[in-house]
C-alpha atoms as a PDB file:
ATOM      1  CA  MET A   1     220.154  93.666 149.334  1.00  0.00           C
ATOM      2  CA  LYS A   2     217.161  96.000 149.478  1.00  0.00           C
ATOM      3  CA  LEU A   3     215.090  97.668 152.105  1.00  0.00           C
ATOM      4  CA  LYS A   4     212.309  95.446 153.482  1.00  0.00           C
ATOM      5  CA  ASN A   5     209.424  97.948 153.162  1.00  0.00           C
ATOM      6  CA  LYS A   6     208.104 100.425 150.613  1.00  0.00           C
ATOM      7  CA  ASP A   7     208.203 103.178 153.187  1.00  0.00           C
ATOM      8  CA  LEU A   8     210.709 104.803 155.571  1.00  0.00           C
ATOM      9  CA  LEU A   9     208.727 105.616 158.757  1.00  0.00           C
ATOM     10  CA  GLY A  10     211.405 105.412 161.453  1.00  0.00           C
ATOM     11  CA  LEU A  11     214.830 103.997 162.489  1.00  0.00           C
ATOM     12  CA  GLU A  12     213.078 101.812 165.059  1.00  0.00           C
ATOM     13  CA  ASN A  13     211.729  99.787 162.079  1.00  0.00           C
ATOM     14  CA  LEU A  14     215.068  99.411 160.402  1.00  0.00           C
ATOM     15  CA  ASP A  15     217.733  96.821 161.171  1.00  0.00           C
ATOM     16  CA  LYS A  16     221.545  97.321 161.278  1.00  0.00           C
ATOM     17  CA  LYS A  17     221.986  96.050 157.770  1.00  0.00           C
ATOM     18  CA  GLU A  18     219.321  98.390 156.261  1.00  0.00           C
ATOM     19  CA  ILE A  19     220.924 101.395 157.984  1.00  0.00           C
ATOM     20  CA  GLN A  20     224.449 100.362 156.616  1.00  0.00           C
ATOM     21  CA  LEU A  21     222.859  99.947 153.167  1.00  0.00           C
ATOM     22  CA  ILE A  22     221.460 103.449 153.128  1.00  0.00           C
ATOM     23  CA  MET A  23     224.767 104.896 154.373  1.00  0.00           C
ATOM     24  CA  ASP A  24     226.779 102.877 151.830  1.00  0.00           C
ATOM     25  CA  THR A  25     224.416 104.005 149.037  1.00  0.00           C
ATOM     26  CA  ALA A  26     224.693 107.694 150.123  1.00  0.00           C
ATOM     27  CA  GLY A  27     228.551 107.660 149.805  1.00  0.00           C
ATOM     28  CA  PRO A  28     228.541 107.497 145.933  1.00  0.00           C
ATOM     29  CA  PHE A  29     225.728 110.063 145.733  1.00  0.00           C
ATOM     30  CA  LYS A  30     227.735 112.485 147.690  1.00  0.00           C
ATOM     31  CA  GLU A  31     230.457 112.261 145.091  1.00  0.00           C
ATOM     32  CA  ILE A  32     228.066 113.645 142.534  1.00  0.00           C
ATOM     33  CA  PHE A  33     228.163 116.885 144.401  1.00  0.00           C
ATOM     34  CA  THR A  34     231.748 117.488 143.111  1.00  0.00           C
ATOM     35  CA  ARG A  35     230.659 117.331 139.458  1.00  0.00           C
ATOM     36  CA  SER A  36     229.846 120.307 137.300  1.00  0.00           C
ATOM     37  CA  ILE A  37     226.559 118.629 136.416  1.00  0.00           C
ATOM     38  CA  LYS A  38     225.158 117.427 139.737  1.00  0.00           C
ATOM     39  CA  LYS A  39     222.261 115.136 138.452  1.00  0.00           C
ATOM     40  CA  VAL A  40     221.833 111.512 137.582  1.00  0.00           C
ATOM     41  CA  PRO A  41     218.797 110.080 135.761  1.00  0.00           C
ATOM     42  CA  ALA A  42     218.000 107.357 138.464  1.00  0.00           C
ATOM     43  CA  LEU A  43     214.303 108.748 139.074  1.00  0.00           C
ATOM     44  CA  ARG A  44     213.581 110.210 135.708  1.00  0.00           C
ATOM     45  CA  GLY A  45     209.865 109.993 135.225  1.00  0.00           C
ATOM     46  CA  ARG A  46     209.059 109.612 138.930  1.00  0.00           C
ATOM     47  CA  THR A  47     206.999 112.191 140.971  1.00  0.00           C
ATOM     48  CA  VAL A  48     207.919 113.162 144.542  1.00  0.00           C
ATOM     49  CA  VAL A  49     205.223 115.074 146.474  1.00  0.00           C
ATOM     50  CA  LEU A  50     206.260 117.165 149.430  1.00  0.00           C
ATOM     51  CA  LEU A  51     203.324 117.379 151.937  1.00  0.00           C
ATOM     52  CA  PHE A  52     204.450 119.437 154.989  1.00  0.00           C
ATOM     53  CA  TYR A  53     201.795 120.369 157.639  1.00  0.00           C
ATOM     54  CA  GLU A  54     204.494 121.975 159.712  1.00  0.00           C
ATOM     55  CA  PRO A  55     207.063 124.717 158.850  1.00  0.00           C
ATOM     56  CA  SER A  56     210.346 123.390 157.425  1.00  0.00           C
ATOM     57  CA  THR A  57     213.312 124.864 155.607  1.00  0.00           C
ATOM     58  CA  ARG A  58     216.258 122.508 155.862  1.00  0.00           C
ATOM     59  CA  THR A  59     214.319 119.203 155.585  1.00  0.00           C
ATOM     60  CA  LYS A  60     211.972 120.300 152.881  1.00  0.00           C
ATOM     61  CA  ASN A  61     214.591 121.986 150.669  1.00  0.00           C
ATOM     62  CA  SER A  62     216.982 119.037 151.276  1.00  0.00           C
ATOM     63  CA  PHE A  63     214.336 116.545 150.011  1.00  0.00           C
ATOM     64  CA  GLU A  64     213.428 118.677 147.071  1.00  0.00           C
ATOM     65  CA  LEU A  65     217.041 119.049 146.031  1.00  0.00           C
ATOM     66  CA  ALA A  66     217.623 115.328 146.518  1.00  0.00           C
ATOM     67  CA  ALA A  67     214.750 114.503 144.276  1.00  0.00           C
ATOM     68  CA  LYS A  68     215.833 116.959 141.540  1.00  0.00           C
ATOM     69  CA  ARG A  69     219.349 115.627 141.566  1.00  0.00           C
ATOM     70  CA  LEU A  70     217.872 112.169 140.887  1.00  0.00           C
ATOM     71  CA  SER A  71     216.006 113.733 137.979  1.00  0.00           C
ATOM     72  CA  ALA A  72     212.502 113.237 139.631  1.00  0.00           C
ATOM     73  CA  ASP A  73     209.620 115.690 139.128  1.00  0.00           C
ATOM     74  CA  THR A  74     208.641 117.344 142.520  1.00  0.00           C
ATOM     75  CA  LEU A  75     205.303 118.864 143.693  1.00  0.00           C
ATOM     76  CA  ASN A  76     204.933 120.969 146.735  1.00  0.00           C
ATOM     77  CA  VAL A  77     201.511 120.921 148.234  1.00  0.00           C
ATOM     78  CA  PRO A  78     200.868 124.182 149.988  1.00  0.00           C
ATOM     79  CA  VAL A  79     198.848 122.915 152.959  1.00  0.00           C
ATOM     80  CA  SER A  80     197.902 126.548 154.144  1.00  0.00           C
ATOM     81  CA  THR A  81     196.124 127.152 150.889  1.00  0.00           C
ATOM     82  CA  SER A  82     194.954 123.669 149.965  1.00  0.00           C
ATOM     83  CA  SER A  83     191.703 121.836 150.537  1.00  0.00           C
ATOM     84  CA  VAL A  84     192.996 121.016 154.066  1.00  0.00           C
ATOM     85  CA  VAL A  85     191.931 124.390 155.304  1.00  0.00           C
ATOM     86  CA  LYS A  86     188.426 123.576 154.026  1.00  0.00           C
ATOM     87  CA  GLY A  87     188.316 120.506 156.369  1.00  0.00           C
ATOM     88  CA  GLU A  88     189.663 117.822 154.046  1.00  0.00           C
ATOM     89  CA  SER A  89     191.005 114.820 155.997  1.00  0.00           C
ATOM     90  CA  LEU A  90     194.671 113.676 155.916  1.00  0.00           C
ATOM     91  CA  ILE A  91     193.561 110.368 154.227  1.00  0.00           C
ATOM     92  CA  ASP A  92     191.448 112.100 151.570  1.00  0.00           C
ATOM     93  CA  THR A  93     194.373 114.469 150.791  1.00  0.00           C
ATOM     94  CA  VAL A  94     196.940 111.724 150.340  1.00  0.00           C
ATOM     95  CA  LYS A  95     194.524 109.568 148.294  1.00  0.00           C
ATOM     96  CA  THR A  96     193.997 112.496 146.060  1.00  0.00           C
ATOM     97  CA  ILE A  97     197.720 112.840 145.616  1.00  0.00           C
ATOM     98  CA  GLU A  98     198.108 109.169 144.889  1.00  0.00           C
ATOM     99  CA  ALA A  99     195.418 109.531 142.143  1.00  0.00           C
ATOM    100  CA  MET A 100     197.727 112.061 140.499  1.00  0.00           C
ATOM    101  CA  LYS A 101     200.164 109.060 140.150  1.00  0.00           C
ATOM    102  CA  ALA A 102     202.644 110.220 142.770  1.00  0.00           C
ATOM    103  CA  ASP A 103     205.542 107.705 143.400  1.00  0.00           C
ATOM    104  CA  PHE A 104     206.599 109.273 146.713  1.00  0.00           C
ATOM    105  CA  VAL A 105     204.817 111.193 149.458  1.00  0.00           C
ATOM    106  CA  ILE A 106     207.181 112.933 151.860  1.00  0.00           C
ATOM    107  CA  ILE A 107     205.106 114.031 154.890  1.00  0.00           C
ATOM    108  CA  ARG A 108     205.768 116.093 157.999  1.00  0.00           C
ATOM    109  CA  HIS A 109     202.923 116.271 160.437  1.00  0.00           C
ATOM    110  CA  GLY A 110     202.441 117.378 163.990  1.00  0.00           C
ATOM    111  CA  MET A 111     200.793 114.199 164.981  1.00  0.00           C
ATOM    112  CA  ALA A 112     202.852 111.226 165.966  1.00  0.00           C
ATOM    113  CA  GLY A 113     202.009 108.243 163.824  1.00  0.00           C
ATOM    114  CA  ALA A 114     200.686 110.287 160.885  1.00  0.00           C
ATOM    115  CA  ALA A 115     203.212 108.902 158.425  1.00  0.00           C
ATOM    116  CA  GLU A 116     202.306 105.379 159.337  1.00  0.00           C
ATOM    117  CA  ILE A 117     198.583 106.114 158.917  1.00  0.00           C
ATOM    118  CA  VAL A 118     199.296 107.501 155.454  1.00  0.00           C
ATOM    119  CA  SER A 119     201.470 104.552 154.538  1.00  0.00           C
ATOM    120  CA  ARG A 120     198.587 102.157 155.135  1.00  0.00           C
ATOM    121  CA  ALA A 121     196.179 104.198 153.075  1.00  0.00           C
ATOM    122  CA  ILE A 122     198.159 104.451 149.892  1.00  0.00           C
ATOM    123  CA  LYS A 123     200.406 102.338 147.678  1.00  0.00           C
ATOM    124  CA  SER A 124     202.938 105.225 146.998  1.00  0.00           C
ATOM    125  CA  SER A 125     206.163 105.043 148.994  1.00  0.00           C
ATOM    126  CA  VAL A 126     205.832 107.287 152.161  1.00  0.00           C
ATOM    127  CA  ILE A 127     208.807 108.860 153.812  1.00  0.00           C
ATOM    128  CA  ASN A 128     208.479 110.330 157.339  1.00  0.00           C
ATOM    129  CA  ALA A 129     209.889 113.802 157.415  1.00  0.00           C
ATOM    130  CA  GLY A 130     208.983 114.126 161.100  1.00  0.00           C
ATOM    131  CA  ASP A 131     205.852 113.200 162.953  1.00  0.00           C
ATOM    132  CA  GLY A 132     205.131 114.995 166.196  1.00  0.00           C
ATOM    133  CA  ALA A 133     207.603 114.002 168.853  1.00  0.00           C
ATOM    134  CA  HIS A 134     207.953 110.500 167.461  1.00  0.00           C
ATOM    135  CA  GLU A 135     210.715 110.133 164.753  1.00  0.00           C
ATOM    136  CA  HIS A 136     212.611 112.018 162.024  1.00  0.00           C
ATOM    137  CA  PRO A 137     214.421 109.055 160.335  1.00  0.00           C
ATOM    138  CA  THR A 138     216.381 110.890 157.599  1.00  0.00           C
ATOM    139  CA  GLN A 139     217.834 113.265 160.150  1.00  0.00           C
ATOM    140  CA  GLY A 140     218.886 110.275 162.223  1.00  0.00           C
ATOM    141  CA  LEU A 141     220.448 108.634 159.082  1.00  0.00           C
ATOM    142  CA  LEU A 142     222.365 111.786 158.029  1.00  0.00           C
ATOM    143  CA  ASP A 143     223.749 112.137 161.528  1.00  0.00           C
ATOM    144  CA  LEU A 144     224.910 108.564 161.586  1.00  0.00           C
ATOM    145  CA  PHE A 145     226.490 109.067 158.063  1.00  0.00           C
ATOM    146  CA  THR A 146     228.257 112.169 159.308  1.00  0.00           C
ATOM    147  CA  ILE A 147     229.646 110.481 162.400  1.00  0.00           C
ATOM    148  CA  ARG A 148     230.811 107.423 160.415  1.00  0.00           C
ATOM    149  CA  GLU A 149     232.422 109.739 157.802  1.00  0.00           C
ATOM    150  CA  LYS A 150     234.343 111.773 160.333  1.00  0.00           C
ATOM    151  CA  LYS A 151     235.139 109.110 162.885  1.00  0.00           C
ATOM    152  CA  GLY A 152     235.475 106.118 160.568  1.00  0.00           C
ATOM    153  CA  LYS A 153     233.106 104.111 162.769  1.00  0.00           C
ATOM    154  CA  ILE A 154     230.046 104.357 165.019  1.00  0.00           C
ATOM    155  CA  LYS A 155     230.527 101.197 167.181  1.00  0.00           C
ATOM    156  CA  GLY A 156     231.969 101.983 170.597  1.00  0.00           C
ATOM    157  CA  LEU A 157     231.620 105.714 170.441  1.00  0.00           C
ATOM    158  CA  LYS A 158     230.207 107.650 173.269  1.00  0.00           C
ATOM    159  CA  VAL A 159     227.526 110.098 172.039  1.00  0.00           C
ATOM    160  CA  THR A 160     225.943 112.712 174.417  1.00  0.00           C
ATOM    161  CA  ILE A 161     222.629 114.191 173.270  1.00  0.00           C
ATOM    162  CA  ILE A 162     221.774 117.459 175.143  1.00  0.00           C
ATOM    163  CA  GLY A 163     218.427 119.385 175.353  1.00  0.00           C
ATOM    164  CA  ASP A 164     214.849 118.880 174.968  1.00  0.00           C
ATOM    165  CA  ILE A 165     214.761 115.099 174.765  1.00  0.00           C
ATOM    166  CA  LEU A 166     211.081 115.031 175.777  1.00  0.00           C
ATOM    167  CA  HIS A 167     209.737 116.665 172.723  1.00  0.00           C
ATOM    168  CA  SER A 168     212.468 115.797 170.227  1.00  0.00           C
ATOM    169  CA  ARG A 169     211.770 113.376 167.317  1.00  0.00           C
ATOM    170  CA  VAL A 170     215.464 113.884 166.240  1.00  0.00           C
ATOM    171  CA  ALA A 171     216.575 112.504 169.596  1.00  0.00           C
ATOM    172  CA  ARG A 172     214.469 109.377 169.300  1.00  0.00           C
ATOM    173  CA  SER A 173     215.648 108.557 165.735  1.00  0.00           C
ATOM    174  CA  ASN A 174     219.274 109.126 166.666  1.00  0.00           C
ATOM    175  CA  ILE A 175     218.974 106.945 169.833  1.00  0.00           C
ATOM    176  CA  TRP A 176     217.400 104.083 167.798  1.00  0.00           C
ATOM    177  CA  GLY A 177     220.102 104.397 165.076  1.00  0.00           C
ATOM    178  CA  LEU A 178     223.086 104.885 167.331  1.00  0.00           C
ATOM    179  CA  LYS A 179     222.155 101.955 169.561  1.00  0.00           C
ATOM    180  CA  LYS A 180     221.684  99.663 166.607  1.00  0.00           C
ATOM    181  CA  MET A 181     225.094 100.611 165.229  1.00  0.00           C
ATOM    182  CA  GLY A 182     226.791  99.897 168.541  1.00  0.00           C
ATOM    183  CA  ALA A 183     227.269 103.305 170.164  1.00  0.00           C
ATOM    184  CA  GLU A 184     226.931 104.295 173.784  1.00  0.00           C
ATOM    185  CA  VAL A 185     224.379 107.018 174.146  1.00  0.00           C
ATOM    186  CA  ARG A 186     223.905 109.499 176.977  1.00  0.00           C
ATOM    187  CA  VAL A 187     221.116 111.972 177.324  1.00  0.00           C
ATOM    188  CA  CYS A 188     221.544 115.176 179.438  1.00  0.00           C
ATOM    189  CA  ALA A 189     218.813 117.778 180.255  1.00  0.00           C
ATOM    190  CA  PRO A 190     216.840 119.203 183.100  1.00  0.00           C
ATOM    191  CA  ALA A 191     214.574 116.483 184.639  1.00  0.00           C
ATOM    192  CA  THR A 192     211.481 118.281 183.100  1.00  0.00           C
ATOM    193  CA  LEU A 193     212.813 117.632 179.623  1.00  0.00           C
ATOM    194  CA  ILE A 194     213.661 113.947 180.049  1.00  0.00           C
ATOM    195  CA  PRO A 195     210.904 111.368 179.068  1.00  0.00           C
ATOM    196  CA  LYS A 196     209.891 108.943 181.663  1.00  0.00           C
ATOM    197  CA  GLU A 197     211.416 105.469 181.292  1.00  0.00           C
ATOM    198  CA  ILE A 198     213.792 106.638 178.611  1.00  0.00           C
ATOM    199  CA  GLU A 199     216.376 104.202 180.106  1.00  0.00           C
ATOM    200  CA  THR A 200     214.347 101.383 178.312  1.00  0.00           C
ATOM    201  CA  MET A 201     215.852 102.693 174.983  1.00  0.00           C
ATOM    202  CA  GLY A 202     219.325 101.730 176.346  1.00  0.00           C
ATOM    203  CA  VAL A 203     220.512 105.231 177.217  1.00  0.00           C
ATOM    204  CA  GLU A 204     222.157 106.573 180.367  1.00  0.00           C
ATOM    205  CA  VAL A 205     220.612 109.649 181.786  1.00  0.00           C
ATOM    206  CA  PHE A 206     222.587 112.660 183.241  1.00  0.00           C
ATOM    207  CA  TYR A 207     221.454 115.936 184.776  1.00  0.00           C
ATOM    208  CA  ASN A 208     224.876 117.383 185.066  1.00  0.00           C
ATOM    209  CA  LEU A 209     226.373 118.382 181.800  1.00  0.00           C
ATOM    210  CA  ASN A 210     230.063 118.296 182.777  1.00  0.00           C
ATOM    211  CA  LYS A 211     229.746 114.720 183.862  1.00  0.00           C
ATOM    212  CA  ALA A 212     227.813 113.748 180.826  1.00  0.00           C
ATOM    213  CA  LEU A 213     230.578 115.127 178.543  1.00  0.00           C
ATOM    214  CA  LYS A 214     233.383 113.104 180.188  1.00  0.00           C
ATOM    215  CA  ASP A 215     235.069 111.074 177.438  1.00  0.00           C
ATOM    216  CA  THR A 216     232.416 111.925 174.883  1.00  0.00           C
ATOM    217  CA  ASP A 217     233.242 111.378 171.185  1.00  0.00           C
ATOM    218  CA  VAL A 218     230.192 113.192 169.819  1.00  0.00           C
ATOM    219  CA  ILE A 219     228.239 116.133 171.397  1.00  0.00           C
ATOM    220  CA  TYR A 220     224.758 116.411 169.811  1.00  0.00           C
ATOM    221  CA  THR A 221     222.917 119.581 170.938  1.00  0.00           C
ATOM    222  CA  LEU A 222     219.167 119.885 170.260  1.00  0.00           C
ATOM    223  CA  ARG A 223     217.352 123.117 169.681  1.00  0.00           C
ATOM    224  CA  ILE A 224     215.583 124.488 172.788  1.00  0.00           C
ATOM    225  CA  GLN A 225     212.015 125.194 171.584  1.00  0.00           C
ATOM    226  CA  LEU A 226     211.324 128.580 172.907  1.00  0.00           C
ATOM    227  CA  GLU A 227     207.620 127.748 173.301  1.00  0.00           C
ATOM    228  CA  ARG A 228     208.560 125.461 176.146  1.00  0.00           C
ATOM    229  CA  GLN A 229     209.003 128.635 178.182  1.00  0.00           C
ATOM    230  CA  LYS A 230     205.234 128.916 178.086  1.00  0.00           C
ATOM    231  CA  GLU A 231     204.816 125.357 179.388  1.00  0.00           C
ATOM    232  CA  HIS A 232     206.859 126.302 182.433  1.00  0.00           C
ATOM    233  CA  LEU A 233     209.273 123.386 181.902  1.00  0.00           C
ATOM    234  CA  LEU A 234     212.218 125.644 182.335  1.00  0.00           C
ATOM    235  CA  PRO A 235     212.774 128.372 184.879  1.00  0.00           C
ATOM    236  CA  SER A 236     214.190 130.605 182.252  1.00  0.00           C
ATOM    237  CA  LEU A 237     216.410 130.459 179.056  1.00  0.00           C
ATOM    238  CA  ARG A 238     219.203 132.091 180.883  1.00  0.00           C
ATOM    239  CA  GLU A 239     219.316 129.442 183.557  1.00  0.00           C
ATOM    240  CA  TYR A 240     219.115 126.691 180.914  1.00  0.00           C
ATOM    241  CA  THR A 241     222.103 128.277 179.164  1.00  0.00           C
ATOM    242  CA  GLU A 242     224.055 128.535 182.340  1.00  0.00           C
ATOM    243  CA  PHE A 243     223.722 124.785 183.129  1.00  0.00           C
ATOM    244  CA  TYR A 244     223.377 123.259 179.771  1.00  0.00           C
ATOM    245  CA  GLY A 245     224.666 125.691 177.005  1.00  0.00           C
ATOM    246  CA  VAL A 246     227.537 124.179 175.077  1.00  0.00           C
ATOM    247  CA  THR A 247     230.590 126.595 175.282  1.00  0.00           C
ATOM    248  CA  ASN A 248     234.235 126.280 174.544  1.00  0.00           C
ATOM    249  CA  GLU A 249     234.808 125.897 178.264  1.00  0.00           C
ATOM    250  CA  ARG A 250     232.454 122.927 178.470  1.00  0.00           C
ATOM    251  CA  LEU A 251     234.139 121.263 175.505  1.00  0.00           C
ATOM    252  CA  LYS A 252     237.201 120.728 177.751  1.00  0.00           C
ATOM    253  CA  TYR A 253     235.301 117.915 179.523  1.00  0.00           C
ATOM    254  CA  ALA A 254     234.859 115.871 176.221  1.00  0.00           C
ATOM    255  CA  LYS A 255     237.543 114.290 174.159  1.00  0.00           C
ATOM    256  CA  GLU A 256     239.874 116.587 172.410  1.00  0.00           C
ATOM    257  CA  ASP A 257     238.774 115.329 168.993  1.00  0.00           C
ATOM    258  CA  CYS A 258     235.033 115.213 169.729  1.00  0.00           C
ATOM    259  CA  LEU A 259     232.522 116.254 167.079  1.00  0.00           C
ATOM    260  CA  VAL A 260     229.911 118.939 167.707  1.00  0.00           C
ATOM    261  CA  MET A 261     226.502 118.454 165.960  1.00  0.00           C
ATOM    262  CA  HIS A 262     223.154 120.277 165.823  1.00  0.00           C
ATOM    263  CA  PRO A 263     220.101 119.494 163.618  1.00  0.00           C
ATOM    264  CA  GLY A 264     219.310 123.127 163.124  1.00  0.00           C
ATOM    265  CA  PRO A 265     217.993 125.728 163.338  1.00  0.00           C
ATOM    266  CA  MET A 266     220.180 126.885 166.189  1.00  0.00           C
ATOM    267  CA  ASN A 267     219.527 129.373 168.957  1.00  0.00           C
ATOM    268  CA  ARG A 268     222.881 130.781 169.242  1.00  0.00           C
ATOM    269  CA  GLY A 269     223.688 131.807 172.801  1.00  0.00           C
ATOM    270  CA  VAL A 270     221.073 129.538 174.164  1.00  0.00           C
ATOM    271  CA  GLU A 271     221.834 125.842 173.639  1.00  0.00           C
ATOM    272  CA  ILE A 272     225.046 126.459 171.756  1.00  0.00           C
ATOM    273  CA  PHE A 273     227.422 129.370 171.361  1.00  0.00           C
ATOM    274  CA  GLY A 274     228.854 130.686 168.178  1.00  0.00           C
ATOM    275  CA  GLU A 275     232.456 129.868 169.142  1.00  0.00           C
ATOM    276  CA  VAL A 276     231.415 126.197 169.303  1.00  0.00           C
ATOM    277  CA  ALA A 277     228.939 126.179 166.263  1.00  0.00           C
ATOM    278  CA  ASP A 278     231.639 127.816 164.128  1.00  0.00           C
ATOM    279  CA  GLY A 279     234.629 126.064 165.700  1.00  0.00           C
ATOM    280  CA  LYS A 280     236.985 123.368 164.314  1.00  0.00           C
ATOM    281  CA  ARG A 281     235.061 120.559 166.076  1.00  0.00           C
ATOM    282  CA  SER A 282     231.707 121.524 164.485  1.00  0.00           C
ATOM    283  CA  VAL A 283     230.315 119.412 161.657  1.00  0.00           C
ATOM    284  CA  ILE A 284     227.029 121.129 161.493  1.00  0.00           C
ATOM    285  CA  LEU A 285     227.391 122.295 157.829  1.00  0.00           C
ATOM    286  CA  ASP A 286     228.600 118.819 156.948  1.00  0.00           C
ATOM    287  CA  GLN A 287     225.303 117.504 158.293  1.00  0.00           C
ATOM    288  CA  VAL A 288     223.374 119.757 155.841  1.00  0.00           C
ATOM    289  CA  THR A 289     225.415 118.476 152.903  1.00  0.00           C
ATOM    290  CA  ASN A 290     225.173 114.845 153.944  1.00  0.00           C
ATOM    291  CA  GLY A 291     221.404 115.280 154.334  1.00  0.00           C
ATOM    292  CA  ILE A 292     220.946 115.658 150.465  1.00  0.00           C
ATOM    293  CA  ALA A 293     223.186 112.492 149.956  1.00  0.00           C
ATOM    294  CA  ILE A 294     221.182 110.452 152.483  1.00  0.00           C
ATOM    295  CA  ARG A 295     217.825 111.481 151.069  1.00  0.00           C
ATOM    296  CA  MET A 296     219.004 110.644 147.600  1.00  0.00           C
ATOM    297  CA  ALA A 297     219.941 107.247 148.751  1.00  0.00           C
ATOM    298  CA  VAL A 298     216.529 106.714 150.563  1.00  0.00           C
ATOM    299  CA  LEU A 299     214.615 107.721 147.457  1.00  0.00           C
ATOM    300  CA  TYR A 300     216.817 105.637 145.168  1.00  0.00           C
ATOM    301  CA  LEU A 301     216.487 102.498 147.358  1.00  0.00           C
ATOM    302  CA  LEU A 302     212.729 102.846 147.803  1.00  0.00           C
ATOM    303  CA  ALA A 303     212.262 103.279 144.093  1.00  0.00           C
ATOM    304  CA  GLY A 304     214.201 100.011 143.476  1.00  0.00           C
ATOM    305  CA  ASN A 305     212.050  98.378 146.178  1.00  0.00           C
ATOM    306  CA  LYS A 306     208.899  99.437 144.423  1.00  0.00           C
ATOM    307  CA  GLN A 307     210.113  98.071 141.081  1.00  0.00           C
ATOM    308  CA  MET A 308     210.800  94.709 142.596  1.00  0.00           C
ATOM    309  CA  ASN A 309     207.362  94.682 144.313  1.00  0.00           C
ATOM    310  CA  ASN A 310     205.731  95.514 140.992  1.00  0.00           C
ATOM    311  CA  ARG A 311     207.378  92.632 139.308  1.00  0.00           C
ATOM    312  CA  ASP A 312     205.916  90.317 141.977  1.00  0.00           C
END
């Protein structure tokens, strides 16, 4: 089995079998981490370009490390000092990159749909590393992989996503993925941070965190973006923390063996407290490790896809 498309743009576009394939492929790649030499030659001779129009530490470093562990060459395009600042369009930028014989373009952009626009303009495989408030597919995949690794399954689990659902591409990718894998998804936030008609995605909406956490198997806390204070979507961070901050006291409402997850970076003492982030239920560092394995799997599978397409 292989992925249907040359690109990874979002989990909305993947079916259950494709999601399972990526997770199943990531397992053996994670085993490589235990070796003294943590590299395989799977992508030797391939070039991976990192094109990040927004700041990133975890995702960018994770993709770069994943590519290098597959023996690919990597190129970071410094957008702030590139021709972009001279007015070059996104399409012109990626076509220039393709002319350099890049095999993969990994793009993060502030505009929803940017990755799809790029994928239509070039033959190189495009991986969406986050586009506006739309999707962040590899984050969703690494989260699914972590849940399955720790719980042994995803189907039937109750997952509660807490925080800025309105602006979160992570929330959207997780909702698409979790629903396709059979989980029950709840979202919980102030009404100003809940998108209109989000129920059409098959989730249950809560405004009371204690009620949302009842019988929860996985607590997924999103970063509260401090700039939302300027948009007057929250009365104050202190009040948000009082009603929606995840503390040890609040964990009592969830299942005793629940997992605590966060995509990072964390605002400790705002959406999550240190006692929880560093506690025995937290799998936040596992998410970081699993992110490399998932991104290795995505690169590997898309490379195989491209080989098959070229033979056609």
